[in-house]
Amino acid sequence: TALVFVLGFAVFASVLKADANEVPSILGFSVLKIQTGSMEPEYRTGSVIITRKVSADKLEKGDVISFYSSGGQISNQVNTHRIEEIYYLRGGERQFVTKGDANDTVDEFPVYEKRIIGKVVYNLGVFSGSVIGFLQNPNIILFFIVIPLVIITFLEALNLVNMIVNRNDNTEDEQTDEPKRKRKAKAENSD
């Protein structure tokens, strides 16, 4: 259940921060939606993937990574492609050459370590992408998340108040009944 909670929270955070410049990450995991067909057939357009932040030295040729693109029209946009080559630069930094599975050539710009979001660890599929797209609608968020959350919070607050009031009533009843019990016990002992 903890994993479901973390995953749900990650999806919720992703939906809320969809237009932000940085991909939200919870405990090193990020939830992303595949926007193009460059990774088909394994990762279809609209699929939702989970990435995990990993050290660059753990990445290998053939791994699929999500990263912020460099240069060109897609500069700073999130991209998910497979590692084709790894080059070691002076100072120990790594540079990754990536390529979409459906593309004929490698990407024009290499990926530097600091631009990597994470390694793809799970593909939730296209259906989950449809669900996230559905949840990005502000009206849906209002009617299916915010309003029920407010109602549940209000009802739980009422339950809490009722519990406190009932506890106080029981305590008062016990305090008023105690002298009666003592008198009754005293009367029984004197007999």
N, C-alpha and C. Protein backbone atom coordinates (compact mmCIF):
# COMPACT_ATOMS: atom_id res chain seq x y z
N THR A 1 0.81 -1.20 0.00
CA THR A 1 0.00 0.00 0.00
C THR A 1 0.86 1.27 0.00
N ALA A 2 2.05 1.18 0.60
CA ALA A 2 2.92 2.35 0.61
C ALA A 2 3.35 2.71 -0.80
N LEU A 3 3.65 1.69 -1.62
CA LEU A 3 4.05 1.95 -3.00
C LEU A 3 2.92 2.60 -3.78
N VAL A 4 1.70 2.13 -3.56
CA VAL A 4 0.53 2.72 -4.23
C VAL A 4 0.37 4.18 -3.81
N PHE A 5 0.56 4.45 -2.50
CA PHE A 5 0.46 5.82 -2.02
C PHE A 5 1.52 6.70 -2.66
N VAL A 6 2.77 6.24 -2.68
CA VAL A 6 3.87 7.02 -3.26
C VAL A 6 3.62 7.24 -4.75
N LEU A 7 3.20 6.20 -5.45
CA LEU A 7 2.91 6.33 -6.88
C LEU A 7 1.76 7.31 -7.11
N GLY A 8 0.71 7.20 -6.32
CA GLY A 8 -0.41 8.13 -6.45
C GLY A 8 -0.01 9.55 -6.18
N PHE A 9 0.82 9.73 -5.16
CA PHE A 9 1.29 11.08 -4.85
C PHE A 9 2.17 11.62 -5.97
N ALA A 10 3.01 10.76 -6.54
CA ALA A 10 3.88 11.18 -7.65
C ALA A 10 3.04 11.59 -8.86
N VAL A 11 2.02 10.82 -9.17
CA VAL A 11 1.15 11.17 -10.29
C VAL A 11 0.44 12.49 -10.00
N PHE A 12 -0.08 12.65 -8.78
CA PHE A 12 -0.76 13.88 -8.41
C PHE A 12 0.17 15.08 -8.54
N ALA A 13 1.41 14.94 -8.04
CA ALA A 13 2.39 16.02 -8.14
C ALA A 13 2.73 16.32 -9.59
N SER A 14 2.83 15.27 -10.40
CA SER A 14 3.12 15.47 -11.82
C SER A 14 2.01 16.25 -12.52
N VAL A 15 0.78 15.91 -12.17
CA VAL A 15 -0.35 16.61 -12.77
C VAL A 15 -0.34 18.08 -12.38
N LEU A 16 -0.07 18.36 -11.11
CA LEU A 16 -0.09 19.74 -10.64
C LEU A 16 1.07 20.57 -11.20
N LYS A 17 2.19 19.94 -11.45
CA LYS A 17 3.37 20.67 -11.92
C LYS A 17 3.63 20.44 -13.41
N ALA A 18 2.62 20.08 -14.18
CA ALA A 18 2.80 19.71 -15.58
C ALA A 18 3.47 20.81 -16.41
N ASP A 19 3.24 22.06 -16.09
CA ASP A 19 3.80 23.15 -16.88
C ASP A 19 5.07 23.74 -16.27
N ALA A 20 5.56 23.18 -15.19
CA ALA A 20 6.76 23.70 -14.53
C ALA A 20 8.00 23.35 -15.35
N ASN A 21 9.09 24.05 -15.08
CA ASN A 21 10.33 23.81 -15.81
C ASN A 21 11.09 22.59 -15.32
N GLU A 22 10.70 22.06 -14.19
CA GLU A 22 11.41 20.92 -13.63
C GLU A 22 10.46 19.77 -13.40
N VAL A 23 10.91 18.57 -13.72
CA VAL A 23 10.09 17.38 -13.51
C VAL A 23 10.04 17.07 -12.02
N PRO A 24 8.86 16.90 -11.44
CA PRO A 24 8.77 16.58 -10.02
C PRO A 24 9.33 15.18 -9.74
N SER A 25 9.94 15.04 -8.59
CA SER A 25 10.54 13.77 -8.20
C SER A 25 10.18 13.50 -6.75
N ILE A 26 9.77 12.27 -6.47
CA ILE A 26 9.45 11.87 -5.12
C ILE A 26 10.28 10.64 -4.80
N LEU A 27 11.15 10.79 -3.81
CA LEU A 27 12.07 9.73 -3.42
C LEU A 27 12.91 9.26 -4.61
N GLY A 28 13.21 10.18 -5.52
CA GLY A 28 14.05 9.85 -6.68
C GLY A 28 13.28 9.31 -7.86
N PHE A 29 11.98 9.13 -7.72
CA PHE A 29 11.15 8.61 -8.82
C PHE A 29 10.36 9.75 -9.46
N SER A 30 10.24 9.69 -10.78
CA SER A 30 9.45 10.67 -11.52
C SER A 30 8.48 9.93 -12.43
N VAL A 31 7.34 10.53 -12.66
CA VAL A 31 6.33 9.97 -13.55
C VAL A 31 6.25 10.88 -14.76
N LEU A 32 6.45 10.30 -15.94
CA LEU A 32 6.48 11.07 -17.18
C LEU A 32 5.56 10.44 -18.22
N LYS A 33 5.12 11.25 -19.15
CA LYS A 33 4.27 10.77 -20.23
C LYS A 33 5.04 10.88 -21.54
N ILE A 34 5.05 9.82 -22.32
CA ILE A 34 5.72 9.81 -23.62
C ILE A 34 4.90 10.66 -24.58
N GLN A 35 5.55 11.67 -25.17
CA GLN A 35 4.85 12.64 -26.01
C GLN A 35 4.90 12.34 -27.51
N THR A 36 5.90 11.57 -27.95
CA THR A 36 6.05 11.32 -29.39
C THR A 36 6.24 9.83 -29.65
N GLY A 37 6.30 9.47 -30.91
CA GLY A 37 6.47 8.07 -31.30
C GLY A 37 7.92 7.66 -31.48
N SER A 38 8.87 8.45 -31.01
CA SER A 38 10.28 8.14 -31.25
C SER A 38 10.75 6.87 -30.56
N MET A 39 10.03 6.38 -29.57
CA MET A 39 10.44 5.17 -28.86
C MET A 39 9.50 3.98 -29.12
N GLU A 40 8.66 4.10 -30.13
CA GLU A 40 7.77 2.99 -30.45
C GLU A 40 8.56 1.86 -31.10
N PRO A 41 8.15 0.64 -30.95
CA PRO A 41 6.89 0.17 -30.38
C PRO A 41 6.94 -0.08 -28.86
N GLU A 42 8.11 -0.08 -28.24
CA GLU A 42 8.19 -0.42 -26.82
C GLU A 42 7.48 0.61 -25.94
N TYR A 43 7.66 1.89 -26.24
CA TYR A 43 7.04 2.96 -25.48
C TYR A 43 6.15 3.76 -26.43
N ARG A 44 4.87 3.44 -26.43
CA ARG A 44 3.94 4.08 -27.36
C ARG A 44 3.60 5.49 -26.91
N THR A 45 3.25 6.34 -27.88
CA THR A 45 2.83 7.71 -27.59
C THR A 45 1.67 7.68 -26.60
N GLY A 46 1.78 8.48 -25.54
CA GLY A 46 0.75 8.52 -24.50
C GLY A 46 1.03 7.61 -23.33
N SER A 47 2.03 6.73 -23.44
CA SER A 47 2.37 5.84 -22.33
C SER A 47 2.93 6.65 -21.17
N VAL A 48 2.72 6.14 -19.98
CA VAL A 48 3.28 6.75 -18.79
C VAL A 48 4.41 5.86 -18.31
N ILE A 49 5.55 6.49 -18.02
CA ILE A 49 6.71 5.75 -17.55
C ILE A 49 7.13 6.26 -16.18
N ILE A 50 7.83 5.41 -15.45
CA ILE A 50 8.40 5.80 -14.17
C ILE A 50 9.91 5.75 -14.33
N THR A 51 10.55 6.84 -13.96
CA THR A 51 12.01 6.88 -14.00
C THR A 51 12.54 6.96 -12.57
N ARG A 52 13.77 6.48 -12.41
CA ARG A 52 14.42 6.54 -11.10
C ARG A 52 15.76 7.23 -11.28
N LYS A 53 16.03 8.21 -10.43
CA LYS A 53 17.30 8.92 -10.47
C LYS A 53 18.41 7.93 -10.13
N VAL A 54 19.41 7.83 -11.01
CA VAL A 54 20.54 6.94 -10.77
C VAL A 54 21.83 7.69 -11.05
N SER A 55 22.88 7.21 -10.48
CA SER A 55 24.19 7.78 -10.74
C SER A 55 24.58 7.48 -12.19
N ALA A 56 25.21 8.44 -12.85
CA ALA A 56 25.58 8.27 -14.26
C ALA A 56 26.49 7.07 -14.47
N ASP A 57 27.29 6.72 -13.47
CA ASP A 57 28.20 5.59 -13.65
C ASP A 57 27.47 4.24 -13.63
N LYS A 58 26.20 4.24 -13.27
CA LYS A 58 25.39 3.02 -13.28
C LYS A 58 24.70 2.80 -14.64
N LEU A 59 24.71 3.82 -15.49
CA LEU A 59 24.04 3.72 -16.78
C LEU A 59 24.91 2.97 -17.79
N GLU A 60 24.24 2.18 -18.63
CA GLU A 60 24.94 1.39 -19.63
C GLU A 60 24.32 1.58 -21.00
N LYS A 61 25.08 1.20 -22.01
CA LYS A 61 24.56 1.22 -23.38
C LYS A 61 23.31 0.33 -23.42
N GLY A 62 22.25 0.83 -24.02
CA GLY A 62 21.00 0.09 -24.10
C GLY A 62 19.96 0.52 -23.07
N ASP A 63 20.39 1.22 -22.01
CA ASP A 63 19.44 1.73 -21.02
C ASP A 63 18.60 2.84 -21.65
N VAL A 64 17.36 2.94 -21.20
CA VAL A 64 16.48 4.02 -21.65
C VAL A 64 16.47 5.07 -20.55
N ILE A 65 16.76 6.32 -20.92
CA ILE A 65 16.82 7.41 -19.94
C ILE A 65 15.91 8.56 -20.36
N SER A 66 15.47 9.31 -19.38
CA SER A 66 14.76 10.56 -19.63
C SER A 66 15.69 11.68 -19.25
N PHE A 67 15.69 12.74 -20.06
CA PHE A 67 16.64 13.83 -19.88
C PHE A 67 16.08 15.12 -20.44
N TYR A 68 16.73 16.24 -20.07
CA TYR A 68 16.40 17.54 -20.65
C TYR A 68 17.24 17.69 -21.90
N SER A 69 16.58 17.89 -23.04
CA SER A 69 17.28 18.02 -24.32
C SER A 69 18.15 19.26 -24.36
N SER A 70 19.20 19.20 -25.17
CA SER A 70 20.10 20.34 -25.36
C SER A 70 19.99 20.82 -26.80
N GLY A 71 20.02 22.14 -26.98
CA GLY A 71 20.07 22.73 -28.32
C GLY A 71 18.86 22.43 -29.18
N GLY A 72 18.78 23.14 -30.27
CA GLY A 72 17.72 22.94 -31.25
C GLY A 72 16.36 23.38 -30.76
N GLN A 73 15.34 22.92 -31.48
CA GLN A 73 13.97 23.33 -31.18
C GLN A 73 13.43 22.71 -29.89
N ILE A 74 14.01 21.62 -29.48
CA ILE A 74 13.50 20.95 -28.27
C ILE A 74 14.38 21.20 -27.05
N SER A 75 15.17 22.24 -27.07
CA SER A 75 16.06 22.55 -25.96
C SER A 75 15.28 22.67 -24.65
N ASN A 76 15.76 22.02 -23.63
CA ASN A 76 15.18 22.00 -22.27
C ASN A 76 13.87 21.23 -22.15
N GLN A 77 13.43 20.59 -23.22
CA GLN A 77 12.24 19.76 -23.12
C GLN A 77 12.65 18.36 -22.68
N VAL A 78 11.73 17.68 -22.01
CA VAL A 78 12.00 16.32 -21.54
C VAL A 78 11.94 15.37 -22.74
N ASN A 79 12.93 14.50 -22.81
CA ASN A 79 13.03 13.53 -23.90
C ASN A 79 13.36 12.18 -23.28
N THR A 80 12.89 11.12 -23.89
CA THR A 80 13.20 9.77 -23.42
C THR A 80 13.72 8.96 -24.60
N HIS A 81 14.99 8.58 -24.54
CA HIS A 81 15.62 7.80 -25.61
C HIS A 81 16.58 6.77 -25.01
N ARG A 82 17.03 5.87 -25.88
CA ARG A 82 17.94 4.80 -25.48
C ARG A 82 19.40 5.25 -25.64
N ILE A 83 20.25 4.84 -24.71
CA ILE A 83 21.68 5.16 -24.78
C ILE A 83 22.32 4.29 -25.86
N GLU A 84 22.98 4.94 -26.82
CA GLU A 84 23.68 4.24 -27.90
C GLU A 84 25.18 4.16 -27.64
N GLU A 85 25.75 5.21 -27.08
CA GLU A 85 27.18 5.26 -26.80
C GLU A 85 27.41 6.08 -25.53
N ILE A 86 28.51 5.79 -24.85
CA ILE A 86 28.91 6.57 -23.67
C ILE A 86 30.36 7.01 -23.88
N TYR A 87 30.59 8.30 -23.75
CA TYR A 87 31.94 8.86 -23.87
C TYR A 87 32.36 9.41 -22.52
N TYR A 88 33.62 9.22 -22.20
CA TYR A 88 34.18 9.71 -20.95
C TYR A 88 34.99 10.97 -21.23
N LEU A 89 34.62 12.06 -20.61
CA LEU A 89 35.28 13.34 -20.82
C LEU A 89 36.34 13.56 -19.76
N ARG A 90 37.17 14.55 -20.01
CA ARG A 90 38.17 14.92 -19.01
C ARG A 90 37.44 15.34 -17.73
N GLY A 91 38.00 14.98 -16.63
CA GLY A 91 37.36 15.30 -15.36
C GLY A 91 36.41 14.21 -14.91
N GLY A 92 36.25 13.15 -15.71
CA GLY A 92 35.43 12.01 -15.31
C GLY A 92 33.96 12.09 -15.67
N GLU A 93 33.52 13.22 -16.20
CA GLU A 93 32.10 13.34 -16.58
C GLU A 93 31.80 12.46 -17.79
N ARG A 94 30.59 11.98 -17.83
CA ARG A 94 30.15 11.15 -18.96
C ARG A 94 29.24 11.94 -19.88
N GLN A 95 29.30 11.57 -21.13
CA GLN A 95 28.44 12.17 -22.17
C GLN A 95 27.76 11.00 -22.87
N PHE A 96 26.45 11.10 -23.01
CA PHE A 96 25.67 10.00 -23.56
C PHE A 96 25.13 10.37 -24.95
N VAL A 97 25.30 9.46 -25.89
CA VAL A 97 24.71 9.61 -27.22
C VAL A 97 23.44 8.77 -27.19
N THR A 98 22.33 9.39 -27.51
CA THR A 98 21.04 8.70 -27.41
C THR A 98 20.35 8.65 -28.78
N LYS A 99 19.35 7.77 -28.85
CA LYS A 99 18.59 7.61 -30.10
C LYS A 99 17.23 7.04 -29.76
N GLY A 100 16.21 7.57 -30.41
CA GLY A 100 14.89 6.98 -30.27
C GLY A 100 14.84 5.68 -31.05
N ASP A 101 14.17 4.66 -30.51
CA ASP A 101 14.10 3.35 -31.17
C ASP A 101 13.52 3.45 -32.58
N ALA A 102 12.59 4.35 -32.79
CA ALA A 102 11.95 4.49 -34.09
C ALA A 102 12.69 5.47 -35.01
N ASN A 103 13.73 6.11 -34.52
CA ASN A 103 14.48 7.08 -35.32
C ASN A 103 15.59 6.38 -36.10
N ASP A 104 15.94 6.95 -37.25
CA ASP A 104 16.99 6.37 -38.10
C ASP A 104 18.40 6.76 -37.63
N THR A 105 18.53 7.91 -36.99
CA THR A 105 19.85 8.39 -36.59
C THR A 105 19.86 8.75 -35.11
N VAL A 106 21.10 8.86 -34.58
CA VAL A 106 21.24 9.27 -33.19
C VAL A 106 20.83 10.72 -33.04
N ASP A 107 20.58 11.12 -31.81
CA ASP A 107 20.20 12.51 -31.54
C ASP A 107 21.35 13.45 -31.87
N GLU A 108 21.00 14.63 -32.34
CA GLU A 108 21.99 15.61 -32.77
C GLU A 108 22.88 16.09 -31.61
N PHE A 109 22.30 16.24 -30.43
CA PHE A 109 23.04 16.78 -29.30
C PHE A 109 23.24 15.69 -28.24
N PRO A 110 24.45 15.58 -27.70
CA PRO A 110 24.69 14.58 -26.64
C PRO A 110 24.04 15.00 -25.33
N VAL A 111 23.92 14.05 -24.42
CA VAL A 111 23.31 14.29 -23.12
C VAL A 111 24.41 14.25 -22.06
N TYR A 112 24.50 15.32 -21.29
CA TYR A 112 25.47 15.37 -20.19
C TYR A 112 24.81 14.87 -18.91
N GLU A 113 25.63 14.35 -18.00
CA GLU A 113 25.14 13.76 -16.75
C GLU A 113 24.13 14.64 -16.03
N LYS A 114 24.43 15.92 -15.92
CA LYS A 114 23.59 16.83 -15.14
C LYS A 114 22.20 17.04 -15.75
N ARG A 115 22.00 16.64 -16.99
CA ARG A 115 20.72 16.84 -17.67
C ARG A 115 19.83 15.59 -17.60
N ILE A 116 20.33 14.54 -16.96
CA ILE A 116 19.57 13.29 -16.88
C ILE A 116 18.56 13.36 -15.73
N ILE A 117 17.32 13.04 -16.04
CA ILE A 117 16.25 12.97 -15.04
C ILE A 117 16.29 11.62 -14.35
N GLY A 118 16.42 10.56 -15.14
CA GLY A 118 16.49 9.23 -14.55
C GLY A 118 16.42 8.14 -15.59
N LYS A 119 16.62 6.93 -15.12
CA LYS A 119 16.54 5.73 -15.96
C LYS A 119 15.11 5.20 -15.90
N VAL A 120 14.57 4.81 -17.05
CA VAL A 120 13.21 4.27 -17.08
C VAL A 120 13.23 2.91 -16.39
N VAL A 121 12.37 2.76 -15.38
CA VAL A 121 12.30 1.51 -14.63
C VAL A 121 10.98 0.77 -14.84
N TYR A 122 9.96 1.49 -15.33
CA TYR A 122 8.67 0.83 -15.53
C TYR A 122 7.83 1.59 -16.56
N ASN A 123 7.14 0.84 -17.38
CA ASN A 123 6.23 1.40 -18.37
C ASN A 123 4.81 1.04 -17.96
N LEU A 124 4.02 2.06 -17.60
CA LEU A 124 2.64 1.82 -17.16
C LEU A 124 1.67 1.66 -18.32
N GLY A 125 2.10 2.01 -19.53
CA GLY A 125 1.28 1.81 -20.72
C GLY A 125 0.43 3.02 -21.10
N VAL A 126 -0.28 2.85 -22.19
CA VAL A 126 -1.05 3.95 -22.78
C VAL A 126 -2.29 4.28 -21.95
N PHE A 127 -2.94 3.28 -21.37
CA PHE A 127 -4.15 3.54 -20.59
C PHE A 127 -3.88 4.52 -19.47
N SER A 128 -2.76 4.35 -18.79
CA SER A 128 -2.42 5.25 -17.69
C SER A 128 -2.20 6.67 -18.21
N GLY A 129 -1.69 6.80 -19.45
CA GLY A 129 -1.52 8.12 -20.06
C GLY A 129 -2.86 8.79 -20.28
N SER A 130 -3.86 8.01 -20.66
CA SER A 130 -5.20 8.55 -20.85
C SER A 130 -5.78 9.03 -19.53
N VAL A 131 -5.52 8.27 -18.48
CA VAL A 131 -6.01 8.65 -17.15
C VAL A 131 -5.37 9.96 -16.71
N ILE A 132 -4.06 10.10 -16.90
CA ILE A 132 -3.38 11.34 -16.51
C ILE A 132 -3.87 12.51 -17.34
N GLY A 133 -4.05 12.29 -18.64
CA GLY A 133 -4.59 13.35 -19.50
C GLY A 133 -5.97 13.79 -19.01
N PHE A 134 -6.78 12.82 -18.61
CA PHE A 134 -8.11 13.09 -18.08
C PHE A 134 -8.01 13.91 -16.79
N LEU A 135 -7.07 13.55 -15.92
CA LEU A 135 -6.92 14.22 -14.64
C LEU A 135 -6.31 15.62 -14.76
N GLN A 136 -5.72 15.95 -15.90
CA GLN A 136 -5.14 17.28 -16.06
C GLN A 136 -6.20 18.34 -16.32
N ASN A 137 -7.41 17.92 -16.61
CA ASN A 137 -8.51 18.85 -16.81
C ASN A 137 -8.88 19.48 -15.46
N PRO A 138 -8.80 20.83 -15.36
CA PRO A 138 -9.08 21.49 -14.07
C PRO A 138 -10.47 21.17 -13.51
N ASN A 139 -11.47 21.00 -14.37
CA ASN A 139 -12.81 20.67 -13.89
C ASN A 139 -12.85 19.29 -13.25
N ILE A 140 -12.11 18.36 -13.84
CA ILE A 140 -12.05 17.00 -13.29
C ILE A 140 -11.36 17.04 -11.92
N ILE A 141 -10.27 17.79 -11.84
CA ILE A 141 -9.56 17.91 -10.57
C ILE A 141 -10.49 18.48 -9.51
N LEU A 142 -11.26 19.50 -9.87
CA LEU A 142 -12.18 20.13 -8.92
C LEU A 142 -13.25 19.15 -8.46
N PHE A 143 -13.94 18.49 -9.40
CA PHE A 143 -15.09 17.66 -9.05
C PHE A 143 -14.72 16.29 -8.48
N PHE A 144 -13.60 15.72 -8.91
CA PHE A 144 -13.28 14.37 -8.47
C PHE A 144 -12.18 14.31 -7.42
N ILE A 145 -11.50 15.42 -7.18
CA ILE A 145 -10.44 15.39 -6.18
C ILE A 145 -10.68 16.44 -5.10
N VAL A 146 -10.80 17.70 -5.46
CA VAL A 146 -10.89 18.78 -4.48
C VAL A 146 -12.18 18.71 -3.67
N ILE A 147 -13.33 18.66 -4.35
CA ILE A 147 -14.62 18.65 -3.64
C ILE A 147 -14.75 17.41 -2.73
N PRO A 148 -14.47 16.19 -3.22
CA PRO A 148 -14.54 15.04 -2.30
C PRO A 148 -13.56 15.17 -1.13
N LEU A 149 -12.38 15.70 -1.38
CA LEU A 149 -11.41 15.88 -0.31
C LEU A 149 -11.93 16.85 0.75
N VAL A 150 -12.56 17.93 0.33
CA VAL A 150 -13.14 18.90 1.28
C VAL A 150 -14.27 18.25 2.07
N ILE A 151 -15.12 17.50 1.39
CA ILE A 151 -16.24 16.83 2.08
C ILE A 151 -15.72 15.82 3.10
N ILE A 152 -14.75 15.01 2.70
CA ILE A 152 -14.19 14.01 3.61
C ILE A 152 -13.54 14.68 4.81
N THR A 153 -12.80 15.75 4.57
CA THR A 153 -12.15 16.48 5.66
C THR A 153 -13.20 17.04 6.62
N PHE A 154 -14.27 17.62 6.09
CA PHE A 154 -15.34 18.18 6.92
C PHE A 154 -16.00 17.08 7.76
N LEU A 155 -16.32 15.94 7.13
CA LEU A 155 -16.97 14.85 7.85
C LEU A 155 -16.06 14.26 8.93
N GLU A 156 -14.78 14.16 8.64
CA GLU A 156 -13.84 13.66 9.64
C GLU A 156 -13.70 14.65 10.80
N ALA A 157 -13.75 15.93 10.51
CA ALA A 157 -13.71 16.94 11.58
C ALA A 157 -14.94 16.81 12.47
N LEU A 158 -16.10 16.60 11.86
CA LEU A 158 -17.32 16.38 12.65
C LEU A 158 -17.20 15.13 13.53
N ASN A 159 -16.67 14.04 12.95
CA ASN A 159 -16.47 12.82 13.73
C ASN A 159 -15.55 13.07 14.92
N LEU A 160 -14.50 13.83 14.70
CA LEU A 160 -13.55 14.14 15.77
C LEU A 160 -14.23 14.95 16.88
N VAL A 161 -15.01 15.95 16.50
CA VAL A 161 -15.73 16.76 17.47
C VAL A 161 -16.71 15.88 18.26
N ASN A 162 -17.44 15.01 17.58
CA ASN A 162 -18.39 14.10 18.27
C ASN A 162 -17.67 13.18 19.23
N MET A 163 -16.50 12.67 18.85
CA MET A 163 -15.74 11.80 19.74
C MET A 163 -15.30 12.55 20.99
N ILE A 164 -14.86 13.78 20.83
CA ILE A 164 -14.42 14.59 21.97
C ILE A 164 -15.60 14.88 22.90
N VAL A 165 -16.73 15.27 22.32
CA VAL A 165 -17.92 15.58 23.12
C VAL A 165 -18.40 14.32 23.86
N ASN A 166 -18.46 13.19 23.18
CA ASN A 166 -18.90 11.94 23.82
C ASN A 166 -17.93 11.51 24.91
N ARG A 167 -16.67 11.70 24.72
CA ARG A 167 -15.68 11.33 25.73
C ARG A 167 -15.87 12.20 26.97
N ASN A 168 -16.07 13.51 26.75
CA ASN A 168 -16.30 14.41 27.89
C ASN A 168 -17.57 14.04 28.63
N ASP A 169 -18.65 13.68 27.90
CA ASP A 169 -19.90 13.27 28.53
C ASP A 169 -19.69 12.00 29.35
N ASN A 170 -18.96 11.03 28.82
CA ASN A 170 -18.70 9.78 29.54
C ASN A 170 -17.87 10.04 30.78
N THR A 171 -16.90 10.92 30.69
CA THR A 171 -16.06 11.24 31.84
C THR A 171 -16.90 11.89 32.94
N GLU A 172 -17.80 12.81 32.55
CA GLU A 172 -18.67 13.47 33.53
C GLU A 172 -19.61 12.46 34.16
N ASP A 173 -20.16 11.54 33.37
CA ASP A 173 -21.06 10.51 33.91
C ASP A 173 -20.32 9.64 34.91
N GLU A 174 -19.10 9.25 34.58
CA GLU A 174 -18.32 8.41 35.49
C GLU A 174 -18.03 9.15 36.79
N GLN A 175 -17.76 10.45 36.70
CA GLN A 175 -17.45 11.23 37.90
C GLN A 175 -18.67 11.39 38.79
N THR A 176 -19.85 11.57 38.20
CA THR A 176 -21.07 11.72 39.02
C THR A 176 -21.53 10.37 39.55
N ASP A 177 -21.24 9.28 38.86
CA ASP A 177 -21.63 7.95 39.32
C ASP A 177 -20.72 7.42 40.41
N GLU A 178 -19.51 7.92 40.50
CA GLU A 178 -18.54 7.38 41.47
C GLU A 178 -19.01 7.55 42.91
N PRO A 179 -19.50 8.73 43.33
CA PRO A 179 -19.99 8.83 44.73
C PRO A 179 -21.13 7.86 45.01
N LYS A 180 -22.02 7.64 44.03
CA LYS A 180 -23.13 6.71 44.23
C LYS A 180 -22.59 5.30 44.44
N ARG A 181 -21.57 4.90 43.65
CA ARG A 181 -20.99 3.57 43.78
C ARG A 181 -20.30 3.40 45.15
N LYS A 182 -19.63 4.45 45.60
CA LYS A 182 -18.96 4.38 46.91
C LYS A 182 -19.98 4.21 48.02
N ARG A 183 -21.11 4.96 47.95
CA ARG A 183 -22.14 4.84 48.98
C ARG A 183 -22.75 3.44 48.95
N LYS A 184 -22.99 2.91 47.74
CA LYS A 184 -23.58 1.59 47.62
C LYS A 184 -22.62 0.53 48.16
N ALA A 185 -21.33 0.67 47.82
CA ALA A 185 -20.33 -0.29 48.31
C ALA A 185 -20.20 -0.20 49.83
N LYS A 186 -20.28 1.02 50.38
CA LYS A 186 -20.17 1.22 51.81
C LYS A 186 -21.38 0.58 52.51
N ALA A 187 -22.56 0.78 51.90
CA ALA A 187 -23.79 0.20 52.46
C ALA A 187 -23.71 -1.32 52.45
N GLU A 188 -23.19 -1.91 51.39
CA GLU A 188 -23.09 -3.37 51.29
C GLU A 188 -22.10 -3.91 52.29
N ASN A 189 -21.03 -3.19 52.54
CA ASN A 189 -20.01 -3.64 53.49
C ASN A 189 -20.51 -3.56 54.92
N SER A 190 -21.39 -2.60 55.24
CA SER A 190 -21.87 -2.45 56.59
C SER A 190 -22.92 -3.52 56.93
N ASP A 191 -23.50 -4.12 55.91
CA ASP A 191 -24.51 -5.16 56.16
C ASP A 191 -23.88 -6.38 56.60
